[in-house]
Amino acid sequence: CALQTPHMLILSLLFISFLKGVLWPSLGSIIYHSIELEKQDVVFFCCALASRLSEAVADLALGQLLFWGFSWRSSLVAFGCSFGALFVMGILSLQRCLAMGVHVEYEEPPDSPTWSASYSAKWFRLSSDLSGWLAFAVLLGTSGIWALAGYLAVMLQEKFELTPGASATAASSLLGGTFFGLFLAGMVTYMKGRGVGRVLQLVQANVGLLALVCMVMMPSLPLWKWVVCLLLAGAGAGPLMYLPYTVYCSSVPRYQRAFSMGVLDSLSQLFGCLVQMFFGNLRIIIPKQAGQVMYDGATLGFAVTAAATMFLYRRLGEENTPLYDHF
């Protein structure tokens, strides 16, 4: 409530985003060390679903508080206090679960004379690992989907001459599809195992890619078909936004996992910001052609993601599973 200048507000948001960036690799490291390898895919699906659900709940909660007459500052304080209490409860519950020692994996780290030598060794191992580059390519390819989602409501409003409310509803189909795709892949992984779950992820990815190709090749599709294609594209992209690179990080030595997650996630986020800036400049420079170029870019990026995911899963040893003989 004490924030009175734009600079302080921006600094506060940067600080919150920094903490969020630290929490995800830390949570991943906890999962790697405390959950059995066969069950890790399901746990990461739960975390990804919680992440997507929390964004929707936050938007609805803040909107409802504003509707009740709260100012935006008081709404943030009320929501922040409620979320803070839940966060503390979650941390305490997690601490008790970890104290039970569900799964303890011990691995001796290599001897390093200095911190700088250890840090350099981690960079060298990550940069020289082909699987690491494939995981990075998966994340880079999804940047186009994230960037497209940021401009989708405006693009749909212009393309189909919709009202702001109708365009926002139609645009939600893309991120809604990611939630559905995560839920479907997570349930199949839970019931049938990670091998079948990863095959389904590849099937979803190819269906989503086909939907994006239809949008690019047939720009005159009616609105309802456009929304269906966006839903399918989101369902295909959802699992690939989270799972492949966490699967890669589970394959590296224990002392390398949090580092690998942090580096891959942060660099892909930086690339995503650059893609979003590029899309924004397109709408300024060539407003009439920008939409088609953005769809083309998202489709190309998603094709890279689907291909990199397939090669990554095969390289990590899944080719020994009979179900992967078809890919």
C-alpha atoms as a PDB file:
ATOM      1  CA  CYS A   1       0.000   0.000   0.000  1.00  0.00           C
ATOM      2  CA  ALA A   2       2.975   2.281   0.452  1.00  0.00           C
ATOM      3  CA  LEU A   3       3.911   2.102  -3.206  1.00  0.00           C
ATOM      4  CA  GLN A   4       3.313   5.533  -4.689  1.00  0.00           C
ATOM      5  CA  THR A   5       5.633   5.628  -7.718  1.00  0.00           C
ATOM      6  CA  PRO A   6       5.796   3.448 -10.833  1.00  0.00           C
ATOM      7  CA  HIS A   7       9.466   2.715 -10.131  1.00  0.00           C
ATOM      8  CA  MET A   8       8.729   1.192  -6.726  1.00  0.00           C
ATOM      9  CA  LEU A   9       5.886  -0.860  -8.159  1.00  0.00           C
ATOM     10  CA  ILE A  10       8.122  -2.211 -10.929  1.00  0.00           C
ATOM     11  CA  LEU A  11      10.896  -3.019  -8.439  1.00  0.00           C
ATOM     12  CA  SER A  12       8.410  -4.875  -6.244  1.00  0.00           C
ATOM     13  CA  LEU A  13       7.183  -6.925  -9.211  1.00  0.00           C
ATOM     14  CA  LEU A  14      10.766  -7.700 -10.190  1.00  0.00           C
ATOM     15  CA  PHE A  15      11.503  -8.892  -6.657  1.00  0.00           C
ATOM     16  CA  ILE A  16       8.429 -11.142  -6.641  1.00  0.00           C
ATOM     17  CA  SER A  17       9.345 -12.528 -10.063  1.00  0.00           C
ATOM     18  CA  PHE A  18      12.887 -13.184  -8.824  1.00  0.00           C
ATOM     19  CA  LEU A  19      11.569 -15.214  -5.893  1.00  0.00           C
ATOM     20  CA  LYS A  20       9.287 -17.148  -8.233  1.00  0.00           C
ATOM     21  CA  GLY A  21      12.278 -17.940 -10.440  1.00  0.00           C
ATOM     22  CA  VAL A  22      14.192 -19.282  -7.425  1.00  0.00           C
ATOM     23  CA  LEU A  23      11.294 -21.383  -6.135  1.00  0.00           C
ATOM     24  CA  TRP A  24      10.730 -23.521  -9.257  1.00  0.00           C
ATOM     25  CA  PRO A  25      14.283 -25.001  -9.462  1.00  0.00           C
ATOM     26  CA  SER A  26      14.241 -25.440  -5.680  1.00  0.00           C
ATOM     27  CA  LEU A  27      10.941 -27.313  -5.847  1.00  0.00           C
ATOM     28  CA  GLY A  28      12.252 -29.421  -8.701  1.00  0.00           C
ATOM     29  CA  SER A  29      15.335 -30.342  -6.709  1.00  0.00           C
ATOM     30  CA  ILE A  30      13.151 -31.384  -3.755  1.00  0.00           C
ATOM     31  CA  ILE A  31      11.045 -33.589  -6.030  1.00  0.00           C
ATOM     32  CA  TYR A  32      14.128 -35.207  -7.560  1.00  0.00           C
ATOM     33  CA  HIS A  33      15.572 -36.025  -4.151  1.00  0.00           C
ATOM     34  CA  SER A  34      12.409 -37.161  -2.355  1.00  0.00           C
ATOM     35  CA  ILE A  35      10.198 -38.841  -4.994  1.00  0.00           C
ATOM     36  CA  GLU A  36      10.896 -42.136  -6.724  1.00  0.00           C
ATOM     37  CA  LEU A  37      11.929 -41.784 -10.366  1.00  0.00           C
ATOM     38  CA  GLU A  38       8.868 -43.630 -11.724  1.00  0.00           C
ATOM     39  CA  LYS A  39       6.511 -41.235  -9.908  1.00  0.00           C
ATOM     40  CA  GLN A  40       8.277 -37.963 -10.716  1.00  0.00           C
ATOM     41  CA  ASP A  41       6.372 -37.338 -13.972  1.00  0.00           C
ATOM     42  CA  VAL A  42       3.047 -37.427 -12.131  1.00  0.00           C
ATOM     43  CA  VAL A  43       4.312 -35.058  -9.421  1.00  0.00           C
ATOM     44  CA  PHE A  44       5.572 -32.561 -12.006  1.00  0.00           C
ATOM     45  CA  PHE A  45       2.218 -32.743 -13.785  1.00  0.00           C
ATOM     46  CA  CYS A  46       0.519 -31.887 -10.469  1.00  0.00           C
ATOM     47  CA  CYS A  47       2.869 -28.931  -9.980  1.00  0.00           C
ATOM     48  CA  ALA A  48       2.234 -27.673 -13.522  1.00  0.00           C
ATOM     49  CA  LEU A  49      -1.543 -28.008 -13.093  1.00  0.00           C
ATOM     50  CA  ALA A  50      -1.323 -26.133  -9.797  1.00  0.00           C
ATOM     51  CA  SER A  51       0.653 -23.384 -11.515  1.00  0.00           C
ATOM     52  CA  ARG A  52      -1.936 -22.977 -14.273  1.00  0.00           C
ATOM     53  CA  LEU A  53      -4.833 -23.186 -11.814  1.00  0.00           C
ATOM     54  CA  SER A  54      -3.303 -20.629  -9.449  1.00  0.00           C
ATOM     55  CA  GLU A  55      -3.095 -18.047 -12.236  1.00  0.00           C
ATOM     56  CA  ALA A  56      -6.782 -18.488 -13.022  1.00  0.00           C
ATOM     57  CA  VAL A  57      -7.758 -18.373  -9.340  1.00  0.00           C
ATOM     58  CA  ALA A  58      -5.656 -15.245  -8.779  1.00  0.00           C
ATOM     59  CA  ASP A  59      -7.325 -13.425 -11.679  1.00  0.00           C
ATOM     60  CA  LEU A  60     -10.804 -14.425 -10.495  1.00  0.00           C
ATOM     61  CA  ALA A  61     -10.091 -13.540  -6.854  1.00  0.00           C
ATOM     62  CA  LEU A  62      -8.659 -10.107  -7.640  1.00  0.00           C
ATOM     63  CA  GLY A  63     -11.496  -9.397 -10.055  1.00  0.00           C
ATOM     64  CA  GLN A  64     -14.080 -10.335  -7.420  1.00  0.00           C
ATOM     65  CA  LEU A  65     -12.407  -8.140  -4.775  1.00  0.00           C
ATOM     66  CA  LEU A  66     -12.418  -5.200  -7.178  1.00  0.00           C
ATOM     67  CA  PHE A  67     -16.087  -5.913  -7.957  1.00  0.00           C
ATOM     68  CA  TRP A  68     -16.872  -5.732  -4.236  1.00  0.00           C
ATOM     69  CA  GLY A  69     -15.453  -2.216  -4.079  1.00  0.00           C
ATOM     70  CA  PHE A  70     -11.889  -2.828  -2.909  1.00  0.00           C
ATOM     71  CA  SER A  71      -9.152  -0.665  -4.407  1.00  0.00           C
ATOM     72  CA  TRP A  72      -6.413  -2.457  -6.313  1.00  0.00           C
ATOM     73  CA  ARG A  73      -3.993  -1.911  -3.398  1.00  0.00           C
ATOM     74  CA  SER A  74      -6.363  -3.304  -0.783  1.00  0.00           C
ATOM     75  CA  SER A  75      -7.213  -6.183  -3.137  1.00  0.00           C
ATOM     76  CA  LEU A  76      -3.538  -7.066  -3.459  1.00  0.00           C
ATOM     77  CA  VAL A  77      -3.061  -6.879   0.309  1.00  0.00           C
ATOM     78  CA  ALA A  78      -6.062  -9.127   0.999  1.00  0.00           C
ATOM     79  CA  PHE A  79      -5.038 -11.633  -1.648  1.00  0.00           C
ATOM     80  CA  GLY A  80      -1.371 -11.486  -0.624  1.00  0.00           C
ATOM     81  CA  CYS A  81      -2.168 -12.186   3.036  1.00  0.00           C
ATOM     82  CA  SER A  82      -4.399 -15.123   2.127  1.00  0.00           C
ATOM     83  CA  PHE A  83      -1.841 -16.529  -0.276  1.00  0.00           C
ATOM     84  CA  GLY A  84       0.968 -15.970   2.237  1.00  0.00           C
ATOM     85  CA  ALA A  85      -0.873 -17.969   4.886  1.00  0.00           C
ATOM     86  CA  LEU A  86      -1.456 -20.843   2.435  1.00  0.00           C
ATOM     87  CA  PHE A  87       2.180 -20.685   1.358  1.00  0.00           C
ATOM     88  CA  VAL A  88       3.441 -20.973   4.936  1.00  0.00           C
ATOM     89  CA  MET A  89       1.083 -23.889   5.581  1.00  0.00           C
ATOM     90  CA  GLY A  90       2.339 -25.591   2.428  1.00  0.00           C
ATOM     91  CA  ILE A  91       5.988 -25.130   3.412  1.00  0.00           C
ATOM     92  CA  LEU A  92       5.353 -26.561   6.881  1.00  0.00           C
ATOM     93  CA  SER A  93       3.482 -29.530   5.434  1.00  0.00           C
ATOM     94  CA  LEU A  94       6.264 -30.119   2.917  1.00  0.00           C
ATOM     95  CA  GLN A  95       8.840 -30.054   5.701  1.00  0.00           C
ATOM     96  CA  ARG A  96       6.945 -32.719   7.622  1.00  0.00           C
ATOM     97  CA  CYS A  97       6.631 -34.897   4.514  1.00  0.00           C
ATOM     98  CA  LEU A  98      10.352 -34.602   3.790  1.00  0.00           C
ATOM     99  CA  ALA A  99      11.160 -35.481   7.380  1.00  0.00           C
ATOM    100  CA  MET A 100       9.468 -38.835   6.787  1.00  0.00           C
ATOM    101  CA  GLY A 101      12.213 -39.705   4.301  1.00  0.00           C
ATOM    102  CA  VAL A 102       9.936 -41.048   1.555  1.00  0.00           C
ATOM    103  CA  HIS A 103      12.785 -41.487  -0.922  1.00  0.00           C
ATOM    104  CA  VAL A 104      16.368 -40.577  -0.168  1.00  0.00           C
ATOM    105  CA  GLU A 105      18.901 -40.620  -2.955  1.00  0.00           C
ATOM    106  CA  TYR A 106      22.535 -40.167  -2.059  1.00  0.00           C
ATOM    107  CA  GLU A 107      25.216 -39.346  -4.550  1.00  0.00           C
ATOM    108  CA  GLU A 108      28.722 -38.124  -3.864  1.00  0.00           C
ATOM    109  CA  PRO A 109      29.442 -34.827  -5.616  1.00  0.00           C
ATOM    110  CA  PRO A 110      32.767 -34.565  -7.412  1.00  0.00           C
ATOM    111  CA  ASP A 111      35.601 -32.973  -5.490  1.00  0.00           C
ATOM    112  CA  SER A 112      36.133 -29.356  -6.521  1.00  0.00           C
ATOM    113  CA  PRO A 113      38.878 -27.194  -5.095  1.00  0.00           C
ATOM    114  CA  THR A 114      36.909 -23.955  -5.286  1.00  0.00           C
ATOM    115  CA  TRP A 115      33.361 -22.735  -5.805  1.00  0.00           C
ATOM    116  CA  SER A 116      34.331 -21.202  -9.142  1.00  0.00           C
ATOM    117  CA  ALA A 117      35.737 -24.520 -10.349  1.00  0.00           C
ATOM    118  CA  SER A 118      32.539 -26.322  -9.361  1.00  0.00           C
ATOM    119  CA  TYR A 119      30.412 -23.683 -11.063  1.00  0.00           C
ATOM    120  CA  SER A 120      32.500 -23.844 -14.224  1.00  0.00           C
ATOM    121  CA  ALA A 121      32.242 -27.635 -14.239  1.00  0.00           C
ATOM    122  CA  LYS A 122      28.442 -27.396 -14.100  1.00  0.00           C
ATOM    123  CA  TRP A 123      28.368 -24.948 -17.014  1.00  0.00           C
ATOM    124  CA  PHE A 124      30.695 -27.160 -19.034  1.00  0.00           C
ATOM    125  CA  ARG A 125      28.651 -30.282 -18.368  1.00  0.00           C
ATOM    126  CA  LEU A 126      25.381 -28.601 -19.324  1.00  0.00           C
ATOM    127  CA  SER A 127      26.736 -26.907 -22.456  1.00  0.00           C
ATOM    128  CA  SER A 128      28.413 -30.105 -23.702  1.00  0.00           C
ATOM    129  CA  ASP A 129      25.356 -32.329 -23.186  1.00  0.00           C
ATOM    130  CA  LEU A 130      23.278 -32.893 -26.338  1.00  0.00           C
ATOM    131  CA  SER A 131      20.262 -33.848 -24.219  1.00  0.00           C
ATOM    132  CA  GLY A 132      20.555 -30.494 -22.469  1.00  0.00           C
ATOM    133  CA  TRP A 133      20.432 -28.702 -25.818  1.00  0.00           C
ATOM    134  CA  LEU A 134      17.377 -30.727 -26.802  1.00  0.00           C
ATOM    135  CA  ALA A 135      15.643 -29.775 -23.530  1.00  0.00           C
ATOM    136  CA  PHE A 136      16.561 -26.152 -24.185  1.00  0.00           C
ATOM    137  CA  ALA A 137      15.141 -26.389 -27.725  1.00  0.00           C
ATOM    138  CA  VAL A 138      11.865 -27.713 -26.281  1.00  0.00           C
ATOM    139  CA  LEU A 139      11.554 -24.649 -24.049  1.00  0.00           C
ATOM    140  CA  LEU A 140      12.571 -22.215 -26.790  1.00  0.00           C
ATOM    141  CA  GLY A 141       9.963 -23.633 -29.137  1.00  0.00           C
ATOM    142  CA  THR A 142       7.154 -23.032 -26.642  1.00  0.00           C
ATOM    143  CA  SER A 143       8.108 -19.340 -26.373  1.00  0.00           C
ATOM    144  CA  GLY A 144       6.065 -18.620 -29.475  1.00  0.00           C
ATOM    145  CA  ILE A 145       2.945 -20.101 -27.853  1.00  0.00           C
ATOM    146  CA  TRP A 146       3.424 -18.019 -24.703  1.00  0.00           C
ATOM    147  CA  ALA A 147       4.004 -14.857 -26.750  1.00  0.00           C
ATOM    148  CA  LEU A 148       1.016 -15.587 -28.987  1.00  0.00           C
ATOM    149  CA  ALA A 149      -1.203 -15.973 -25.926  1.00  0.00           C
ATOM    150  CA  GLY A 150      -0.281 -12.463 -24.803  1.00  0.00           C
ATOM    151  CA  TYR A 151      -1.594 -10.864 -28.009  1.00  0.00           C
ATOM    152  CA  LEU A 152      -4.310 -13.346 -28.892  1.00  0.00           C
ATOM    153  CA  ALA A 153      -7.294 -11.421 -27.507  1.00  0.00           C
ATOM    154  CA  VAL A 154      -6.415  -8.296 -29.510  1.00  0.00           C
ATOM    155  CA  MET A 155      -5.733 -10.322 -32.652  1.00  0.00           C
ATOM    156  CA  LEU A 156      -9.049 -12.162 -32.437  1.00  0.00           C
ATOM    157  CA  GLN A 157     -10.892  -8.905 -31.809  1.00  0.00           C
ATOM    158  CA  GLU A 158      -9.414  -7.421 -34.982  1.00  0.00           C
ATOM    159  CA  LYS A 159      -9.768 -10.537 -37.134  1.00  0.00           C
ATOM    160  CA  PHE A 160     -13.364 -11.423 -36.266  1.00  0.00           C
ATOM    161  CA  GLU A 161     -14.597  -7.965 -35.162  1.00  0.00           C
ATOM    162  CA  LEU A 162     -15.493  -9.185 -31.673  1.00  0.00           C
ATOM    163  CA  THR A 163     -16.289  -7.237 -28.539  1.00  0.00           C
ATOM    164  CA  PRO A 164     -13.508  -7.104 -25.909  1.00  0.00           C
ATOM    165  CA  GLY A 165     -15.354  -9.611 -23.726  1.00  0.00           C
ATOM    166  CA  ALA A 166     -15.969 -12.052 -26.563  1.00  0.00           C
ATOM    167  CA  SER A 167     -12.370 -11.839 -27.770  1.00  0.00           C
ATOM    168  CA  ALA A 168     -11.033 -12.454 -24.246  1.00  0.00           C
ATOM    169  CA  THR A 169     -13.296 -15.496 -23.928  1.00  0.00           C
ATOM    170  CA  ALA A 170     -12.176 -16.880 -27.285  1.00  0.00           C
ATOM    171  CA  ALA A 171      -8.512 -16.231 -26.480  1.00  0.00           C
ATOM    172  CA  SER A 172      -8.803 -18.192 -23.243  1.00  0.00           C
ATOM    173  CA  SER A 173      -9.181 -21.352 -25.329  1.00  0.00           C
ATOM    174  CA  LEU A 174      -5.401 -21.500 -25.889  1.00  0.00           C
ATOM    175  CA  LEU A 175      -4.375 -21.443 -22.218  1.00  0.00           C
ATOM    176  CA  GLY A 176      -7.480 -23.450 -21.323  1.00  0.00           C
ATOM    177  CA  GLY A 177      -6.220 -26.083 -23.731  1.00  0.00           C
ATOM    178  CA  THR A 178      -2.871 -26.206 -21.918  1.00  0.00           C
ATOM    179  CA  PHE A 179      -4.695 -27.025 -18.677  1.00  0.00           C
ATOM    180  CA  PHE A 180      -6.720 -29.760 -20.393  1.00  0.00           C
ATOM    181  CA  GLY A 181      -3.602 -31.191 -22.035  1.00  0.00           C
ATOM    182  CA  LEU A 182      -1.726 -31.268 -18.738  1.00  0.00           C
ATOM    183  CA  PHE A 183      -4.657 -32.943 -17.001  1.00  0.00           C
ATOM    184  CA  LEU A 184      -5.078 -35.580 -19.712  1.00  0.00           C
ATOM    185  CA  ALA A 185      -1.387 -36.446 -19.940  1.00  0.00           C
ATOM    186  CA  GLY A 186      -1.075 -36.460 -16.158  1.00  0.00           C
ATOM    187  CA  MET A 187      -4.000 -38.816 -15.670  1.00  0.00           C
ATOM    188  CA  VAL A 188      -2.724 -41.242 -18.310  1.00  0.00           C
ATOM    189  CA  THR A 189       0.749 -41.130 -16.762  1.00  0.00           C
ATOM    190  CA  TYR A 190      -0.724 -41.822 -13.334  1.00  0.00           C
ATOM    191  CA  MET A 191      -2.847 -44.758 -14.530  1.00  0.00           C
ATOM    192  CA  LYS A 192      -0.636 -46.301 -17.247  1.00  0.00           C
ATOM    193  CA  GLY A 193       2.890 -45.275 -16.295  1.00  0.00           C
ATOM    194  CA  ARG A 194       5.355 -42.743 -17.603  1.00  0.00           C
ATOM    195  CA  GLY A 195       6.150 -44.666 -20.815  1.00  0.00           C
ATOM    196  CA  VAL A 196       2.569 -44.530 -22.065  1.00  0.00           C
ATOM    197  CA  GLY A 197       2.231 -40.995 -20.731  1.00  0.00           C
ATOM    198  CA  ARG A 198       5.177 -39.777 -22.777  1.00  0.00           C
ATOM    199  CA  VAL A 199       3.810 -41.426 -25.908  1.00  0.00           C
ATOM    200  CA  LEU A 200       0.547 -39.577 -25.330  1.00  0.00           C
ATOM    201  CA  GLN A 201       2.463 -36.318 -24.981  1.00  0.00           C
ATOM    202  CA  LEU A 202       3.947 -36.869 -28.445  1.00  0.00           C
ATOM    203  CA  VAL A 203       0.513 -37.687 -29.870  1.00  0.00           C
ATOM    204  CA  GLN A 204      -0.964 -34.545 -28.298  1.00  0.00           C
ATOM    205  CA  ALA A 205       1.936 -32.505 -29.667  1.00  0.00           C
ATOM    206  CA  ASN A 206       1.385 -33.723 -33.217  1.00  0.00           C
ATOM    207  CA  VAL A 207      -2.359 -33.050 -33.007  1.00  0.00           C
ATOM    208  CA  GLY A 208      -1.649 -29.554 -31.676  1.00  0.00           C
ATOM    209  CA  LEU A 209       0.893 -28.934 -34.426  1.00  0.00           C
ATOM    210  CA  LEU A 210      -1.627 -30.049 -37.044  1.00  0.00           C
ATOM    211  CA  ALA A 211      -4.161 -27.599 -35.602  1.00  0.00           C
ATOM    212  CA  LEU A 212      -1.660 -24.732 -35.866  1.00  0.00           C
ATOM    213  CA  VAL A 213      -0.823 -25.717 -39.442  1.00  0.00           C
ATOM    214  CA  CYS A 214      -4.547 -25.627 -40.304  1.00  0.00           C
ATOM    215  CA  MET A 215      -4.777 -22.110 -38.872  1.00  0.00           C
ATOM    216  CA  VAL A 216      -1.788 -20.973 -40.918  1.00  0.00           C
ATOM    217  CA  MET A 217      -2.882 -22.643 -44.154  1.00  0.00           C
ATOM    218  CA  MET A 218      -6.582 -21.740 -43.859  1.00  0.00           C
ATOM    219  CA  PRO A 219      -6.793 -18.241 -42.327  1.00  0.00           C
ATOM    220  CA  SER A 220     -10.435 -17.900 -43.437  1.00  0.00           C
ATOM    221  CA  LEU A 221     -11.701 -20.483 -40.936  1.00  0.00           C
ATOM    222  CA  PRO A 222     -14.810 -19.387 -38.995  1.00  0.00           C
ATOM    223  CA  LEU A 223     -14.471 -18.381 -35.379  1.00  0.00           C
ATOM    224  CA  TRP A 224     -15.653 -21.645 -33.819  1.00  0.00           C
ATOM    225  CA  LYS A 225     -13.142 -23.682 -35.847  1.00  0.00           C
ATOM    226  CA  TRP A 226     -10.431 -21.179 -34.940  1.00  0.00           C
ATOM    227  CA  VAL A 227     -11.235 -21.624 -31.248  1.00  0.00           C
ATOM    228  CA  VAL A 228     -11.173 -25.433 -31.604  1.00  0.00           C
ATOM    229  CA  CYS A 229      -7.748 -25.238 -33.249  1.00  0.00           C
ATOM    230  CA  LEU A 230      -6.473 -23.010 -30.453  1.00  0.00           C
ATOM    231  CA  LEU A 231      -7.829 -25.464 -27.883  1.00  0.00           C
ATOM    232  CA  LEU A 232      -6.060 -28.386 -29.593  1.00  0.00           C
ATOM    233  CA  ALA A 233      -2.839 -26.398 -29.932  1.00  0.00           C
ATOM    234  CA  GLY A 234      -2.924 -25.573 -26.227  1.00  0.00           C
ATOM    235  CA  ALA A 235      -3.617 -29.191 -25.312  1.00  0.00           C
ATOM    236  CA  GLY A 236      -0.596 -30.270 -27.338  1.00  0.00           C
ATOM    237  CA  ALA A 237       1.711 -27.594 -25.963  1.00  0.00           C
ATOM    238  CA  GLY A 238       0.700 -27.858 -22.294  1.00  0.00           C
ATOM    239  CA  PRO A 239       2.694 -30.961 -21.286  1.00  0.00           C
ATOM    240  CA  LEU A 240       5.731 -29.946 -23.346  1.00  0.00           C
ATOM    241  CA  MET A 241       5.998 -26.598 -21.567  1.00  0.00           C
ATOM    242  CA  TYR A 242       6.915 -28.345 -18.333  1.00  0.00           C
ATOM    243  CA  LEU A 243       7.749 -32.035 -18.480  1.00  0.00           C
ATOM    244  CA  PRO A 244      10.527 -32.689 -21.059  1.00  0.00           C
ATOM    245  CA  TYR A 245      13.113 -30.426 -19.465  1.00  0.00           C
ATOM    246  CA  THR A 246      12.287 -31.689 -15.971  1.00  0.00           C
ATOM    247  CA  VAL A 247      12.741 -35.235 -17.301  1.00  0.00           C
ATOM    248  CA  TYR A 248      16.149 -34.222 -18.622  1.00  0.00           C
ATOM    249  CA  CYS A 249      17.134 -32.665 -15.299  1.00  0.00           C
ATOM    250  CA  SER A 250      16.228 -35.905 -13.507  1.00  0.00           C
ATOM    251  CA  SER A 251      18.821 -37.700 -15.662  1.00  0.00           C
ATOM    252  CA  VAL A 252      21.782 -35.534 -14.638  1.00  0.00           C
ATOM    253  CA  PRO A 253      23.770 -36.019 -11.402  1.00  0.00           C
ATOM    254  CA  ARG A 254      22.100 -34.869  -8.211  1.00  0.00           C
ATOM    255  CA  TYR A 255      24.412 -31.892  -7.672  1.00  0.00           C
ATOM    256  CA  GLN A 256      23.642 -30.665 -11.226  1.00  0.00           C
ATOM    257  CA  ARG A 257      19.836 -30.757 -11.153  1.00  0.00           C
ATOM    258  CA  ALA A 258      18.849 -27.449  -9.554  1.00  0.00           C
ATOM    259  CA  PHE A 259      21.531 -25.674 -11.594  1.00  0.00           C
ATOM    260  CA  SER A 260      20.301 -27.207 -14.859  1.00  0.00           C
ATOM    261  CA  MET A 261      16.669 -26.349 -14.102  1.00  0.00           C
ATOM    262  CA  GLY A 262      17.527 -22.770 -13.183  1.00  0.00           C
ATOM    263  CA  VAL A 263      19.710 -22.139 -16.237  1.00  0.00           C
ATOM    264  CA  LEU A 264      17.359 -23.729 -18.768  1.00  0.00           C
ATOM    265  CA  ASP A 265      14.280 -22.044 -17.324  1.00  0.00           C
ATOM    266  CA  SER A 266      15.839 -18.583 -16.973  1.00  0.00           C
ATOM    267  CA  LEU A 267      17.405 -18.525 -20.446  1.00  0.00           C
ATOM    268  CA  SER A 268      14.177 -19.720 -22.059  1.00  0.00           C
ATOM    269  CA  GLN A 269      12.242 -17.039 -20.167  1.00  0.00           C
ATOM    270  CA  LEU A 270      14.673 -14.416 -21.481  1.00  0.00           C
ATOM    271  CA  PHE A 271      14.195 -15.710 -25.017  1.00  0.00           C
ATOM    272  CA  GLY A 272      10.423 -15.644 -24.495  1.00  0.00           C
ATOM    273  CA  CYS A 273      10.592 -11.968 -23.501  1.00  0.00           C
ATOM    274  CA  LEU A 274      12.554 -11.211 -26.678  1.00  0.00           C
ATOM    275  CA  VAL A 275       9.973 -13.062 -28.784  1.00  0.00           C
ATOM    276  CA  GLN A 276       7.157 -11.116 -27.136  1.00  0.00           C
ATOM    277  CA  MET A 277       8.977  -7.834 -27.804  1.00  0.00           C
ATOM    278  CA  PHE A 278       9.463  -8.907 -31.421  1.00  0.00           C
ATOM    279  CA  PHE A 279       5.760  -9.675 -31.791  1.00  0.00           C
ATOM    280  CA  GLY A 280       4.916  -6.279 -30.291  1.00  0.00           C
ATOM    281  CA  ASN A 281       7.194  -4.483 -32.739  1.00  0.00           C
ATOM    282  CA  LEU A 282       5.587  -6.367 -35.606  1.00  0.00           C
ATOM    283  CA  ARG A 283       2.196  -4.987 -34.606  1.00  0.00           C
ATOM    284  CA  ILE A 284       3.678  -1.480 -34.742  1.00  0.00           C
ATOM    285  CA  ILE A 285       5.651  -1.827 -37.974  1.00  0.00           C
ATOM    286  CA  ILE A 286       3.340  -4.073 -40.060  1.00  0.00           C
ATOM    287  CA  PRO A 287       0.004  -4.166 -38.212  1.00  0.00           C
ATOM    288  CA  LYS A 288      -1.908  -5.867 -41.041  1.00  0.00           C
ATOM    289  CA  GLN A 289       0.565  -8.705 -41.605  1.00  0.00           C
ATOM    290  CA  ALA A 290       1.682  -9.075 -37.991  1.00  0.00           C
ATOM    291  CA  GLY A 291      -0.987 -11.620 -37.047  1.00  0.00           C
ATOM    292  CA  GLN A 292      -0.057 -14.049 -39.824  1.00  0.00           C
ATOM    293  CA  VAL A 293       3.661 -13.724 -39.036  1.00  0.00           C
ATOM    294  CA  MET A 294       2.964 -14.413 -35.348  1.00  0.00           C
ATOM    295  CA  TYR A 295       0.964 -17.539 -36.138  1.00  0.00           C
ATOM    296  CA  ASP A 296       3.729 -18.684 -38.511  1.00  0.00           C
ATOM    297  CA  GLY A 297       6.356 -18.133 -35.829  1.00  0.00           C
ATOM    298  CA  ALA A 298       4.369 -19.967 -33.172  1.00  0.00           C
ATOM    299  CA  THR A 299       3.805 -22.905 -35.540  1.00  0.00           C
ATOM    300  CA  LEU A 300       7.489 -23.138 -36.464  1.00  0.00           C
ATOM    301  CA  GLY A 301       8.514 -22.949 -32.814  1.00  0.00           C
ATOM    302  CA  PHE A 302       6.051 -25.641 -31.818  1.00  0.00           C
ATOM    303  CA  ALA A 303       7.334 -27.912 -34.601  1.00  0.00           C
ATOM    304  CA  VAL A 304      10.822 -27.531 -33.104  1.00  0.00           C
ATOM    305  CA  THR A 305       9.400 -28.355 -29.658  1.00  0.00           C
ATOM    306  CA  ALA A 306       7.630 -31.507 -30.840  1.00  0.00           C
ATOM    307  CA  ALA A 307      10.695 -32.797 -32.698  1.00  0.00           C
ATOM    308  CA  ALA A 308      13.092 -31.979 -29.848  1.00  0.00           C
ATOM    309  CA  THR A 309      10.803 -33.719 -27.346  1.00  0.00           C
ATOM    310  CA  MET A 310      10.725 -36.904 -29.393  1.00  0.00           C
ATOM    311  CA  PHE A 311      14.513 -36.986 -29.779  1.00  0.00           C
ATOM    312  CA  LEU A 312      15.023 -36.119 -26.113  1.00  0.00           C
ATOM    313  CA  TYR A 313      12.816 -38.953 -24.861  1.00  0.00           C
ATOM    314  CA  ARG A 314      14.500 -41.416 -27.188  1.00  0.00           C
ATOM    315  CA  ARG A 315      17.962 -40.230 -26.208  1.00  0.00           C
ATOM    316  CA  LEU A 316      17.196 -40.588 -22.510  1.00  0.00           C
ATOM    317  CA  GLY A 317      16.622 -44.281 -22.983  1.00  0.00           C
ATOM    318  CA  GLU A 318      12.907 -44.516 -23.727  1.00  0.00           C
ATOM    319  CA  GLU A 319      13.651 -46.142 -27.082  1.00  0.00           C
ATOM    320  CA  ASN A 320      14.082 -49.392 -25.151  1.00  0.00           C
ATOM    321  CA  THR A 321      10.369 -49.316 -24.317  1.00  0.00           C
ATOM    322  CA  PRO A 322       8.327 -51.121 -27.020  1.00  0.00           C
ATOM    323  CA  LEU A 323       5.781 -48.306 -27.184  1.00  0.00           C
ATOM    324  CA  TYR A 324       8.470 -45.986 -28.528  1.00  0.00           C
ATOM    325  CA  ASP A 325       9.305 -48.183 -31.479  1.00  0.00           C
ATOM    326  CA  HIS A 326       6.633 -46.341 -33.474  1.00  0.00           C
ATOM    327  CA  PHE A 327       8.354 -42.947 -33.153  1.00  0.00           C
END
